[in-house]
Amino acid sequence: MAEEKFTKLKYCLLGEGAVGKTSLIRRFVTDQFDDRYITTIGTKVSKKTVHTETDEGPMRVDMMIWDIMGQQGYRNMLQDSYFSGAAGAFAICDATRVDTLTSMQSWIDGIRNVCGPIPVILLANKADLTDMTQITPEDLDAAAEKNGASSYFTSAKTRANVEKSFLDLVNKSLG
């Protein structure tokens, strides 16, 4: 049996305020959900260890997951230091607000300007709010295709595709 290798990788969550970045992290890291909205001030880093299989054998990955406030005015001030060293990123929109899908492109361009062609996965969060959804699977797929990315509809509330999307990003970042 091959010995498990180890790496520590940085991942960033990108997107406008109130799309559910913090809720997705909380669901993935602690398996908890709270529907009260609390604005992220500055940057918060969470850690979760995952195990995956690579071409070289088993790999333990310490994910350092960076959550940053989504307000546009602060992004330009923090962008380079926040993005620097990222192995991958999630670009997140709110499935109930089509404008958050449109604004994702500037977040993706920003991180790729700093980090180069790292893997990005597009997430349309709040997929559980089906009666309020404004983003179609075709809309999300088109944005993902434009960026050479994959995409998921997620729900931090119901757990839908949360773990799957995080593990997908880990595997894409490992090559």
N, C-alpha and C. Protein backbone atom coordinates (compact mmCIF):
# COMPACT_ATOMS: atom_id res chain seq x y z
N MET A 1 0.84 -1.18 0.00
CA MET A 1 0.00 0.00 0.00
C MET A 1 0.88 1.24 0.00
N ALA A 2 0.59 2.18 -0.90
CA ALA A 2 1.41 3.40 -1.02
C ALA A 2 1.22 4.30 0.20
N GLU A 3 2.32 4.93 0.59
CA GLU A 3 2.26 5.85 1.72
C GLU A 3 1.55 7.12 1.30
N GLU A 4 0.69 7.64 2.19
CA GLU A 4 -0.07 8.85 1.90
C GLU A 4 0.87 10.06 1.90
N LYS A 5 0.80 10.84 0.83
CA LYS A 5 1.56 12.08 0.76
C LYS A 5 0.71 13.21 1.34
N PHE A 6 1.35 14.35 1.56
CA PHE A 6 0.68 15.47 2.22
C PHE A 6 0.98 16.77 1.49
N THR A 7 -0.01 17.64 1.40
CA THR A 7 0.20 18.99 0.91
C THR A 7 -0.78 19.94 1.59
N LYS A 8 -0.43 21.20 1.61
CA LYS A 8 -1.30 22.25 2.13
C LYS A 8 -1.57 23.19 0.96
N LEU A 9 -2.86 23.45 0.67
CA LEU A 9 -3.23 24.30 -0.46
C LEU A 9 -4.23 25.38 -0.05
N LYS A 10 -4.09 26.52 -0.68
CA LYS A 10 -4.96 27.67 -0.42
C LYS A 10 -6.06 27.74 -1.48
N TYR A 11 -7.28 27.95 -1.01
CA TYR A 11 -8.44 28.10 -1.90
C TYR A 11 -9.18 29.38 -1.52
N CYS A 12 -9.64 30.12 -2.52
CA CYS A 12 -10.37 31.36 -2.29
C CYS A 12 -11.82 31.21 -2.72
N LEU A 13 -12.71 31.85 -1.98
CA LEU A 13 -14.11 31.95 -2.37
C LEU A 13 -14.35 33.36 -2.84
N LEU A 14 -14.87 33.49 -4.06
CA LEU A 14 -15.06 34.77 -4.72
C LEU A 14 -16.53 35.02 -4.94
N GLY A 15 -16.95 36.26 -4.88
CA GLY A 15 -18.33 36.59 -5.19
C GLY A 15 -18.81 37.78 -4.39
N GLU A 16 -19.94 38.31 -4.83
CA GLU A 16 -20.53 39.47 -4.18
C GLU A 16 -20.99 39.14 -2.76
N GLY A 17 -21.32 40.17 -2.01
CA GLY A 17 -21.84 39.98 -0.66
C GLY A 17 -23.17 39.23 -0.69
N ALA A 18 -23.41 38.43 0.33
CA ALA A 18 -24.68 37.72 0.56
C ALA A 18 -24.98 36.62 -0.46
N VAL A 19 -23.94 36.08 -1.15
CA VAL A 19 -24.18 34.94 -2.04
C VAL A 19 -24.08 33.61 -1.30
N GLY A 20 -23.54 33.63 -0.09
CA GLY A 20 -23.46 32.42 0.72
C GLY A 20 -22.08 31.83 0.86
N LYS A 21 -21.03 32.64 0.65
CA LYS A 21 -19.66 32.12 0.76
C LYS A 21 -19.39 31.56 2.16
N THR A 22 -19.70 32.34 3.17
CA THR A 22 -19.45 31.92 4.55
C THR A 22 -20.29 30.70 4.91
N SER A 23 -21.53 30.66 4.45
CA SER A 23 -22.41 29.52 4.73
C SER A 23 -21.89 28.24 4.07
N LEU A 24 -21.36 28.35 2.86
CA LEU A 24 -20.79 27.18 2.19
C LEU A 24 -19.58 26.66 2.95
N ILE A 25 -18.72 27.57 3.40
CA ILE A 25 -17.54 27.15 4.17
C ILE A 25 -17.98 26.49 5.48
N ARG A 26 -18.92 27.12 6.18
CA ARG A 26 -19.37 26.56 7.45
C ARG A 26 -19.97 25.16 7.24
N ARG A 27 -20.76 24.99 6.17
CA ARG A 27 -21.36 23.67 5.91
C ARG A 27 -20.26 22.64 5.62
N PHE A 28 -19.27 23.01 4.81
CA PHE A 28 -18.21 22.07 4.43
C PHE A 28 -17.30 21.75 5.61
N VAL A 29 -16.90 22.74 6.37
CA VAL A 29 -15.90 22.54 7.43
C VAL A 29 -16.51 21.95 8.70
N THR A 30 -17.69 22.46 9.11
CA THR A 30 -18.27 22.03 10.40
C THR A 30 -19.62 21.33 10.25
N ASP A 31 -20.13 21.21 9.01
CA ASP A 31 -21.43 20.63 8.73
C ASP A 31 -22.55 21.32 9.52
N GLN A 32 -22.47 22.66 9.57
CA GLN A 32 -23.51 23.45 10.23
C GLN A 32 -24.06 24.47 9.25
N PHE A 33 -25.28 24.93 9.53
CA PHE A 33 -25.92 25.96 8.72
C PHE A 33 -26.66 26.91 9.63
N ASP A 34 -26.53 28.20 9.33
CA ASP A 34 -27.25 29.24 10.06
C ASP A 34 -27.73 30.24 9.01
N ASP A 35 -29.03 30.47 8.94
CA ASP A 35 -29.54 31.34 7.88
C ASP A 35 -29.54 32.83 8.26
N ARG A 36 -28.97 33.17 9.42
CA ARG A 36 -28.81 34.60 9.73
C ARG A 36 -27.64 35.14 8.92
N TYR A 37 -27.82 36.30 8.31
CA TYR A 37 -26.76 36.89 7.50
C TYR A 37 -25.87 37.77 8.37
N ILE A 38 -24.59 37.46 8.35
CA ILE A 38 -23.60 38.28 9.04
C ILE A 38 -22.53 38.63 8.02
N THR A 39 -22.34 39.91 7.77
CA THR A 39 -21.36 40.36 6.80
C THR A 39 -19.96 39.98 7.24
N THR A 40 -19.19 39.40 6.33
CA THR A 40 -17.79 39.10 6.62
C THR A 40 -17.01 40.40 6.58
N ILE A 41 -16.28 40.68 7.64
CA ILE A 41 -15.44 41.87 7.71
C ILE A 41 -14.00 41.39 7.54
N GLY A 42 -13.34 41.90 6.50
CA GLY A 42 -11.96 41.48 6.24
C GLY A 42 -11.91 40.09 5.66
N THR A 43 -11.02 39.26 6.18
CA THR A 43 -10.81 37.91 5.65
C THR A 43 -10.83 36.92 6.80
N LYS A 44 -11.45 35.77 6.57
CA LYS A 44 -11.45 34.70 7.55
C LYS A 44 -10.90 33.46 6.86
N VAL A 45 -10.00 32.75 7.53
CA VAL A 45 -9.41 31.54 6.97
C VAL A 45 -9.86 30.35 7.80
N SER A 46 -10.40 29.33 7.12
CA SER A 46 -10.80 28.08 7.76
C SER A 46 -9.93 26.96 7.21
N LYS A 47 -9.83 25.88 7.98
CA LYS A 47 -9.00 24.75 7.56
C LYS A 47 -9.82 23.47 7.63
N LYS A 48 -9.66 22.65 6.60
CA LYS A 48 -10.24 21.31 6.62
C LYS A 48 -9.28 20.37 5.91
N THR A 49 -9.07 19.20 6.51
CA THR A 49 -8.22 18.19 5.91
C THR A 49 -9.10 17.19 5.17
N VAL A 50 -8.72 16.91 3.92
CA VAL A 50 -9.43 15.91 3.12
C VAL A 50 -8.41 14.90 2.60
N HIS A 51 -8.90 13.74 2.25
CA HIS A 51 -8.06 12.69 1.69
C HIS A 51 -8.59 12.37 0.30
N THR A 52 -7.67 12.23 -0.65
CA THR A 52 -8.07 11.93 -2.02
C THR A 52 -7.05 11.00 -2.64
N GLU A 53 -7.38 10.51 -3.80
CA GLU A 53 -6.50 9.61 -4.56
C GLU A 53 -5.95 10.37 -5.75
N THR A 54 -4.64 10.30 -5.96
CA THR A 54 -4.01 10.95 -7.11
C THR A 54 -3.30 9.88 -7.94
N ASP A 55 -2.73 10.28 -9.07
CA ASP A 55 -1.97 9.35 -9.90
C ASP A 55 -0.78 8.77 -9.14
N GLU A 56 -0.25 9.54 -8.18
CA GLU A 56 0.89 9.09 -7.38
C GLU A 56 0.47 8.34 -6.13
N GLY A 57 -0.83 8.14 -5.92
CA GLY A 57 -1.30 7.44 -4.73
C GLY A 57 -2.12 8.33 -3.83
N PRO A 58 -2.35 7.88 -2.59
CA PRO A 58 -3.19 8.64 -1.67
C PRO A 58 -2.54 9.97 -1.27
N MET A 59 -3.40 10.99 -1.08
CA MET A 59 -2.92 12.33 -0.74
C MET A 59 -3.80 12.92 0.36
N ARG A 60 -3.14 13.45 1.39
CA ARG A 60 -3.83 14.22 2.41
C ARG A 60 -3.63 15.69 2.08
N VAL A 61 -4.74 16.44 2.01
CA VAL A 61 -4.68 17.85 1.65
C VAL A 61 -5.25 18.68 2.80
N ASP A 62 -4.42 19.56 3.33
CA ASP A 62 -4.92 20.56 4.28
C ASP A 62 -5.41 21.74 3.45
N MET A 63 -6.71 21.90 3.40
CA MET A 63 -7.31 23.00 2.65
C MET A 63 -7.34 24.24 3.54
N MET A 64 -6.71 25.30 3.09
CA MET A 64 -6.79 26.60 3.76
C MET A 64 -7.80 27.40 2.94
N ILE A 65 -8.99 27.60 3.48
CA ILE A 65 -10.11 28.16 2.73
C ILE A 65 -10.32 29.61 3.14
N TRP A 66 -10.07 30.51 2.19
CA TRP A 66 -10.12 31.95 2.46
C TRP A 66 -11.47 32.53 2.06
N ASP A 67 -12.10 33.18 3.03
CA ASP A 67 -13.39 33.85 2.84
C ASP A 67 -13.12 35.35 2.97
N ILE A 68 -13.53 36.11 1.99
CA ILE A 68 -13.28 37.55 2.01
C ILE A 68 -14.61 38.29 1.86
N MET A 69 -14.66 39.48 2.42
CA MET A 69 -15.87 40.27 2.23
C MET A 69 -16.11 40.48 0.74
N GLY A 70 -17.37 40.48 0.34
CA GLY A 70 -17.71 40.56 -1.07
C GLY A 70 -17.97 41.96 -1.59
N GLN A 71 -17.88 42.96 -0.74
CA GLN A 71 -18.20 44.31 -1.18
C GLN A 71 -17.15 44.81 -2.16
N GLN A 72 -17.63 45.33 -3.30
CA GLN A 72 -16.75 45.77 -4.40
C GLN A 72 -15.68 46.76 -3.95
N GLY A 73 -16.03 47.72 -3.13
CA GLY A 73 -15.10 48.77 -2.76
C GLY A 73 -13.84 48.27 -2.08
N TYR A 74 -13.94 47.17 -1.35
CA TYR A 74 -12.80 46.65 -0.61
C TYR A 74 -11.96 45.69 -1.45
N ARG A 75 -12.56 45.15 -2.50
CA ARG A 75 -11.90 44.09 -3.26
C ARG A 75 -10.58 44.56 -3.85
N ASN A 76 -10.55 45.71 -4.47
CA ASN A 76 -9.33 46.17 -5.11
C ASN A 76 -8.20 46.39 -4.12
N MET A 77 -8.53 46.80 -2.89
CA MET A 77 -7.50 47.01 -1.87
C MET A 77 -6.86 45.70 -1.44
N LEU A 78 -7.64 44.65 -1.36
CA LEU A 78 -7.17 43.40 -0.78
C LEU A 78 -6.80 42.33 -1.79
N GLN A 79 -7.18 42.56 -3.05
CA GLN A 79 -7.16 41.50 -4.05
C GLN A 79 -5.83 40.77 -4.16
N ASP A 80 -4.72 41.47 -4.36
CA ASP A 80 -3.45 40.79 -4.59
C ASP A 80 -3.03 39.92 -3.41
N SER A 81 -3.12 40.45 -2.19
CA SER A 81 -2.69 39.67 -1.03
C SER A 81 -3.67 38.52 -0.75
N TYR A 82 -4.95 38.74 -1.00
CA TYR A 82 -5.95 37.70 -0.78
C TYR A 82 -5.78 36.56 -1.78
N PHE A 83 -5.58 36.89 -3.04
CA PHE A 83 -5.49 35.88 -4.09
C PHE A 83 -4.12 35.19 -4.15
N SER A 84 -3.06 35.85 -3.74
CA SER A 84 -1.70 35.34 -3.91
C SER A 84 -1.54 33.93 -3.34
N GLY A 85 -1.01 33.03 -4.16
CA GLY A 85 -0.73 31.68 -3.72
C GLY A 85 -1.90 30.72 -3.78
N ALA A 86 -3.04 31.15 -4.29
CA ALA A 86 -4.21 30.27 -4.36
C ALA A 86 -3.99 29.15 -5.36
N ALA A 87 -4.40 27.94 -4.99
CA ALA A 87 -4.31 26.77 -5.86
C ALA A 87 -5.60 26.58 -6.65
N GLY A 88 -6.66 27.25 -6.23
CA GLY A 88 -7.95 27.13 -6.89
C GLY A 88 -8.94 28.07 -6.25
N ALA A 89 -10.10 28.24 -6.90
CA ALA A 89 -11.09 29.17 -6.37
C ALA A 89 -12.49 28.74 -6.76
N PHE A 90 -13.42 29.15 -5.92
CA PHE A 90 -14.84 29.07 -6.25
C PHE A 90 -15.31 30.47 -6.59
N ALA A 91 -16.02 30.60 -7.71
CA ALA A 91 -16.71 31.83 -8.05
C ALA A 91 -18.18 31.55 -7.76
N ILE A 92 -18.74 32.29 -6.81
CA ILE A 92 -20.06 31.96 -6.28
C ILE A 92 -21.05 33.06 -6.60
N CYS A 93 -22.22 32.63 -7.07
CA CYS A 93 -23.32 33.55 -7.26
C CYS A 93 -24.51 33.04 -6.46
N ASP A 94 -25.49 33.88 -6.29
CA ASP A 94 -26.73 33.56 -5.61
C ASP A 94 -27.74 33.18 -6.69
N ALA A 95 -28.23 31.96 -6.67
CA ALA A 95 -29.14 31.48 -7.71
C ALA A 95 -30.41 32.32 -7.81
N THR A 96 -30.70 33.12 -6.79
CA THR A 96 -31.91 33.95 -6.81
C THR A 96 -31.63 35.38 -7.27
N ARG A 97 -30.37 35.68 -7.63
CA ARG A 97 -30.01 37.05 -8.05
C ARG A 97 -29.11 36.97 -9.27
N VAL A 98 -29.69 37.17 -10.45
CA VAL A 98 -28.95 37.00 -11.71
C VAL A 98 -27.77 37.97 -11.81
N ASP A 99 -27.87 39.14 -11.18
CA ASP A 99 -26.77 40.11 -11.24
C ASP A 99 -25.49 39.55 -10.61
N THR A 100 -25.62 38.63 -9.67
CA THR A 100 -24.42 38.06 -9.03
C THR A 100 -23.70 37.09 -9.97
N LEU A 101 -24.42 36.54 -10.94
CA LEU A 101 -23.77 35.71 -11.97
C LEU A 101 -22.99 36.60 -12.92
N THR A 102 -23.57 37.70 -13.31
CA THR A 102 -22.91 38.64 -14.21
C THR A 102 -21.61 39.17 -13.60
N SER A 103 -21.62 39.48 -12.32
CA SER A 103 -20.44 40.06 -11.67
C SER A 103 -19.34 39.04 -11.39
N MET A 104 -19.63 37.75 -11.52
CA MET A 104 -18.61 36.72 -11.25
C MET A 104 -17.40 36.86 -12.16
N GLN A 105 -17.61 37.30 -13.38
CA GLN A 105 -16.50 37.36 -14.35
C GLN A 105 -15.37 38.25 -13.85
N SER A 106 -15.70 39.38 -13.25
CA SER A 106 -14.62 40.26 -12.77
C SER A 106 -13.85 39.62 -11.63
N TRP A 107 -14.51 38.81 -10.80
CA TRP A 107 -13.80 38.09 -9.74
C TRP A 107 -12.85 37.04 -10.34
N ILE A 108 -13.34 36.31 -11.34
CA ILE A 108 -12.51 35.28 -11.99
C ILE A 108 -11.32 35.93 -12.68
N ASP A 109 -11.57 37.02 -13.41
CA ASP A 109 -10.46 37.72 -14.07
C ASP A 109 -9.45 38.21 -13.04
N GLY A 110 -9.93 38.71 -11.92
CA GLY A 110 -9.04 39.23 -10.87
C GLY A 110 -8.12 38.17 -10.32
N ILE A 111 -8.64 37.00 -9.98
CA ILE A 111 -7.78 35.97 -9.40
C ILE A 111 -6.84 35.40 -10.44
N ARG A 112 -7.29 35.26 -11.67
CA ARG A 112 -6.40 34.72 -12.70
C ARG A 112 -5.33 35.73 -13.10
N ASN A 113 -5.58 37.01 -12.95
CA ASN A 113 -4.54 38.03 -13.19
C ASN A 113 -3.43 37.90 -12.17
N VAL A 114 -3.76 37.50 -10.94
CA VAL A 114 -2.77 37.36 -9.88
C VAL A 114 -2.12 35.97 -9.90
N CYS A 115 -2.91 34.91 -10.11
CA CYS A 115 -2.43 33.54 -9.92
C CYS A 115 -2.18 32.76 -11.21
N GLY A 116 -2.59 33.30 -12.35
CA GLY A 116 -2.48 32.54 -13.58
C GLY A 116 -3.68 31.62 -13.75
N PRO A 117 -3.55 30.60 -14.59
CA PRO A 117 -4.70 29.76 -14.96
C PRO A 117 -5.03 28.67 -13.93
N ILE A 118 -5.35 29.08 -12.71
CA ILE A 118 -5.73 28.10 -11.69
C ILE A 118 -7.15 27.60 -11.94
N PRO A 119 -7.47 26.41 -11.43
CA PRO A 119 -8.84 25.91 -11.60
C PRO A 119 -9.84 26.76 -10.82
N VAL A 120 -10.96 27.01 -11.48
CA VAL A 120 -12.07 27.74 -10.85
C VAL A 120 -13.33 26.91 -11.08
N ILE A 121 -14.15 26.81 -10.04
CA ILE A 121 -15.45 26.15 -10.16
C ILE A 121 -16.52 27.18 -9.84
N LEU A 122 -17.52 27.27 -10.72
CA LEU A 122 -18.63 28.19 -10.53
C LEU A 122 -19.72 27.51 -9.72
N LEU A 123 -20.20 28.20 -8.69
CA LEU A 123 -21.27 27.68 -7.86
C LEU A 123 -22.45 28.65 -7.86
N ALA A 124 -23.64 28.13 -8.14
CA ALA A 124 -24.87 28.90 -7.96
C ALA A 124 -25.47 28.41 -6.65
N ASN A 125 -25.28 29.18 -5.60
CA ASN A 125 -25.71 28.78 -4.26
C ASN A 125 -27.17 29.17 -4.03
N LYS A 126 -27.74 28.62 -2.98
CA LYS A 126 -29.15 28.83 -2.59
C LYS A 126 -30.09 28.12 -3.56
N ALA A 127 -29.64 26.99 -4.10
CA ALA A 127 -30.44 26.23 -5.05
C ALA A 127 -31.72 25.66 -4.41
N ASP A 128 -31.76 25.65 -3.08
CA ASP A 128 -32.97 25.17 -2.39
C ASP A 128 -34.14 26.13 -2.54
N LEU A 129 -33.88 27.39 -2.92
CA LEU A 129 -34.93 28.39 -3.08
C LEU A 129 -35.51 28.33 -4.49
N THR A 130 -36.05 27.17 -4.85
CA THR A 130 -36.45 26.89 -6.22
C THR A 130 -37.50 27.86 -6.76
N ASP A 131 -38.40 28.34 -5.91
CA ASP A 131 -39.44 29.26 -6.39
C ASP A 131 -38.91 30.66 -6.65
N MET A 132 -37.67 30.95 -6.25
CA MET A 132 -37.10 32.28 -6.44
C MET A 132 -35.91 32.28 -7.42
N THR A 133 -35.57 31.12 -7.97
CA THR A 133 -34.39 30.98 -8.81
C THR A 133 -34.49 31.83 -10.08
N GLN A 134 -33.42 32.59 -10.35
CA GLN A 134 -33.34 33.42 -11.55
C GLN A 134 -32.27 32.91 -12.53
N ILE A 135 -31.41 32.01 -12.07
CA ILE A 135 -30.31 31.51 -12.90
C ILE A 135 -30.65 30.10 -13.36
N THR A 136 -30.58 29.87 -14.66
CA THR A 136 -30.88 28.55 -15.22
C THR A 136 -29.59 27.73 -15.31
N PRO A 137 -29.72 26.41 -15.40
CA PRO A 137 -28.53 25.58 -15.63
C PRO A 137 -27.79 26.02 -16.89
N GLU A 138 -28.50 26.43 -17.92
CA GLU A 138 -27.87 26.88 -19.16
C GLU A 138 -27.05 28.15 -18.93
N ASP A 139 -27.57 29.07 -18.11
CA ASP A 139 -26.83 30.30 -17.78
C ASP A 139 -25.52 29.96 -17.07
N LEU A 140 -25.59 29.08 -16.09
CA LEU A 140 -24.41 28.71 -15.31
C LEU A 140 -23.42 27.94 -16.18
N ASP A 141 -23.92 27.02 -17.00
CA ASP A 141 -23.04 26.26 -17.90
C ASP A 141 -22.32 27.18 -18.89
N ALA A 142 -23.01 28.19 -19.41
CA ALA A 142 -22.39 29.12 -20.37
C ALA A 142 -21.26 29.90 -19.70
N ALA A 143 -21.49 30.37 -18.48
CA ALA A 143 -20.44 31.10 -17.76
C ALA A 143 -19.27 30.17 -17.45
N ALA A 144 -19.55 28.93 -17.08
CA ALA A 144 -18.48 27.97 -16.78
C ALA A 144 -17.68 27.67 -18.04
N GLU A 145 -18.36 27.44 -19.14
CA GLU A 145 -17.66 27.12 -20.39
C GLU A 145 -16.76 28.26 -20.82
N LYS A 146 -17.22 29.48 -20.67
CA LYS A 146 -16.43 30.66 -21.03
C LYS A 146 -15.11 30.70 -20.25
N ASN A 147 -15.12 30.14 -19.04
CA ASN A 147 -13.95 30.19 -18.17
C ASN A 147 -13.22 28.86 -18.04
N GLY A 148 -13.56 27.89 -18.88
CA GLY A 148 -12.91 26.58 -18.79
C GLY A 148 -13.11 25.96 -17.42
N ALA A 149 -14.31 26.11 -16.87
CA ALA A 149 -14.58 25.69 -15.50
C ALA A 149 -15.74 24.69 -15.48
N SER A 150 -15.87 24.02 -14.35
CA SER A 150 -17.07 23.23 -14.14
C SER A 150 -18.00 24.03 -13.22
N SER A 151 -19.21 23.53 -13.03
CA SER A 151 -20.17 24.29 -12.23
C SER A 151 -21.13 23.36 -11.51
N TYR A 152 -21.68 23.89 -10.42
CA TYR A 152 -22.66 23.15 -9.62
C TYR A 152 -23.69 24.14 -9.08
N PHE A 153 -24.92 23.66 -8.94
CA PHE A 153 -25.91 24.34 -8.12
C PHE A 153 -25.73 23.76 -6.72
N THR A 154 -25.56 24.63 -5.73
CA THR A 154 -25.32 24.18 -4.36
C THR A 154 -26.35 24.77 -3.42
N SER A 155 -26.44 24.16 -2.25
CA SER A 155 -27.24 24.71 -1.17
C SER A 155 -26.52 24.42 0.14
N ALA A 156 -26.06 25.48 0.79
CA ALA A 156 -25.45 25.30 2.10
C ALA A 156 -26.50 24.81 3.10
N LYS A 157 -27.75 25.17 2.87
CA LYS A 157 -28.82 24.76 3.78
C LYS A 157 -29.09 23.26 3.72
N THR A 158 -29.21 22.71 2.50
CA THR A 158 -29.56 21.30 2.35
C THR A 158 -28.35 20.39 2.14
N ARG A 159 -27.16 20.96 2.02
CA ARG A 159 -25.90 20.24 1.75
C ARG A 159 -25.70 19.90 0.27
N ALA A 160 -26.65 20.20 -0.60
CA ALA A 160 -26.60 19.77 -2.00
C ALA A 160 -25.31 20.23 -2.67
N ASN A 161 -24.53 19.27 -3.14
CA ASN A 161 -23.30 19.47 -3.92
C ASN A 161 -22.19 20.23 -3.19
N VAL A 162 -22.31 20.46 -1.89
CA VAL A 162 -21.27 21.21 -1.17
C VAL A 162 -19.98 20.40 -1.10
N GLU A 163 -20.04 19.24 -0.48
CA GLU A 163 -18.83 18.42 -0.35
C GLU A 163 -18.29 18.02 -1.73
N LYS A 164 -19.17 17.64 -2.62
CA LYS A 164 -18.78 17.23 -3.97
C LYS A 164 -17.99 18.34 -4.67
N SER A 165 -18.46 19.58 -4.58
CA SER A 165 -17.77 20.68 -5.26
C SER A 165 -16.41 20.98 -4.64
N PHE A 166 -16.29 20.94 -3.32
CA PHE A 166 -15.00 21.18 -2.68
C PHE A 166 -13.99 20.09 -3.06
N LEU A 167 -14.43 18.84 -3.05
CA LEU A 167 -13.52 17.75 -3.41
C LEU A 167 -13.14 17.82 -4.89
N ASP A 168 -14.07 18.25 -5.73
CA ASP A 168 -13.76 18.43 -7.15
C ASP A 168 -12.67 19.48 -7.33
N LEU A 169 -12.76 20.59 -6.60
CA LEU A 169 -11.74 21.63 -6.72
C LEU A 169 -10.38 21.12 -6.23
N VAL A 170 -10.36 20.38 -5.16
CA VAL A 170 -9.10 19.80 -4.68
C VAL A 170 -8.48 18.93 -5.78
N ASN A 171 -9.28 18.04 -6.34
CA ASN A 171 -8.75 17.14 -7.37
C ASN A 171 -8.29 17.89 -8.60
N LYS A 172 -9.00 18.93 -9.01
CA LYS A 172 -8.58 19.74 -10.17
C LYS A 172 -7.26 20.47 -9.87
N SER A 173 -7.10 20.95 -8.65
CA SER A 173 -5.89 21.70 -8.30
C SER A 173 -4.66 20.79 -8.17
N LEU A 174 -4.90 19.51 -7.91
CA LEU A 174 -3.78 18.56 -7.83
C LEU A 174 -3.37 18.04 -9.19
N GLY A 175 -4.14 18.39 -10.21
CA GLY A 175 -3.79 17.99 -11.58
C GLY A 175 -4.50 16.77 -11.97
